[in-house]
Structure formats: structure tokens, C-alpha cells
Amino acid sequence: MTVTLIPADRFIETSNNRQAWLEARKNAVTATEVAKASTPAGFIEAVSERLNPVELEPNGYMRFGSDNEGWISRYIKDEFGIMPNNWLIASADSPRFMATPDGLSLDHKRISEVKTGGKEIASVPMQHRRQVGWQMYCTGAEECEYGFVLRKEVYGLYVAAWMEPRMFHIDRDDGLIADLLETAYLLLDADERVLA
């Protein structure tokens, strides 16, 4: 089997350099954005956010996710061999289509995604499937290992409810990716109409 690695010039910026990472994402269509824009109400919200970008102030839920992403990513590395990743990666088709998967295997065929939340899940939520689908499109990956950890509140603090993430396997879905691409091009068209 021939392994095709992502060329170095498609690794755009790391989230360690947050300002540069945010700047690189500014005119791109990202996984979070295209997932949101995949519903009619979400599309209106995504277009509005592209016109008037606002950086969210971190709240307790966001801090819990950030604080726990490291150990969950290391668990996935140990169990599945997928390295933690913080690179923003452009697709082979368009430099404006980008994603930052939470993990990327050394052969670039698998990614990982880490999520936390306040409610247990029995399957991967559609919003997250769309994000992962876009990440697979941008990287060319065929599979994703999705790790979820439940958040609970104890004495006013958020803590992990489990010692290990609940894992779900997601295969590449080219039908879903085709829908996401259609949404992405609609977002770019909306940009062009605003600039015209």
C-alpha cells in the first residue's frame, strides 16, 4: 500500500501560537464552522460570525475541555497510535479549507478528536460527525478515533466523571463530505457577495 503523506506546506500554523493560528483561520472554512453552517439556522449564524468575528471568552465548560484534552489525547496515542496534533492543516483542494484535528497518525491515514460534555452520549453527535468529516477531508484521513469524557460538577468544580474516555470509531463518509463541501462553497460565495 502506498502511503501519501500531507506535504509540509499544508501545515499552516500551530495553535500554540494562538494569534497566528486565529489569523490563519480568519478567511478559511474550518471544521467547527462548516459543521455549524450545515443547518439553515446554523448557516445564518456562521455567515454572521464571518462578518463580525468575536473571540469567545473562555467559560468553565471550555476550560474543562482545554484542561483535559492533553491526557485524553495521550490516552488515544497510547491505545491507537495517533499522535496529538495542534497544526492547522489545509486541504489539498483549496488553501481556504482547513482543519485542526486533535490527533494525526504518523502515516496521516487516521485522526483523533477529543470532546467533553455534560451529558452522556451513546453515539457521536451529528455536529461532531460533521467536524470529523471535514477534518478527514482536509487531511485525507480514512478513520477517526473519537474520545469523549463526561464532565460533572463536584463542590463547584468541574471534574472528569471517568478515568478513561469513552471511545467511538468513525469511518470516512464521502457522502457527508460532499454535503460539507457544498456548504463550504456556499460560505465562500457569501464572502464574495459581501466583498462585491
Foldseek 3Di string as FASTA:
>chain_A
DDQDAADPVQQQDFCVVVVSVCVLLLQAQELLQLLQCLDPVSVVVSLVCSVPPDDDDDDQQNVVQVVPLVVQQVVCCVVPVWHAWGTWGAAPVDSRQTYTFRTAHPSLQETEHEEEEADDDPADDSSVVSSVLSVCRRSVHFKYKYWYFYWDADPRHIDTPDPHTDIDIDGHDVVSNVSSVVSRVVSVVSVVVVVD
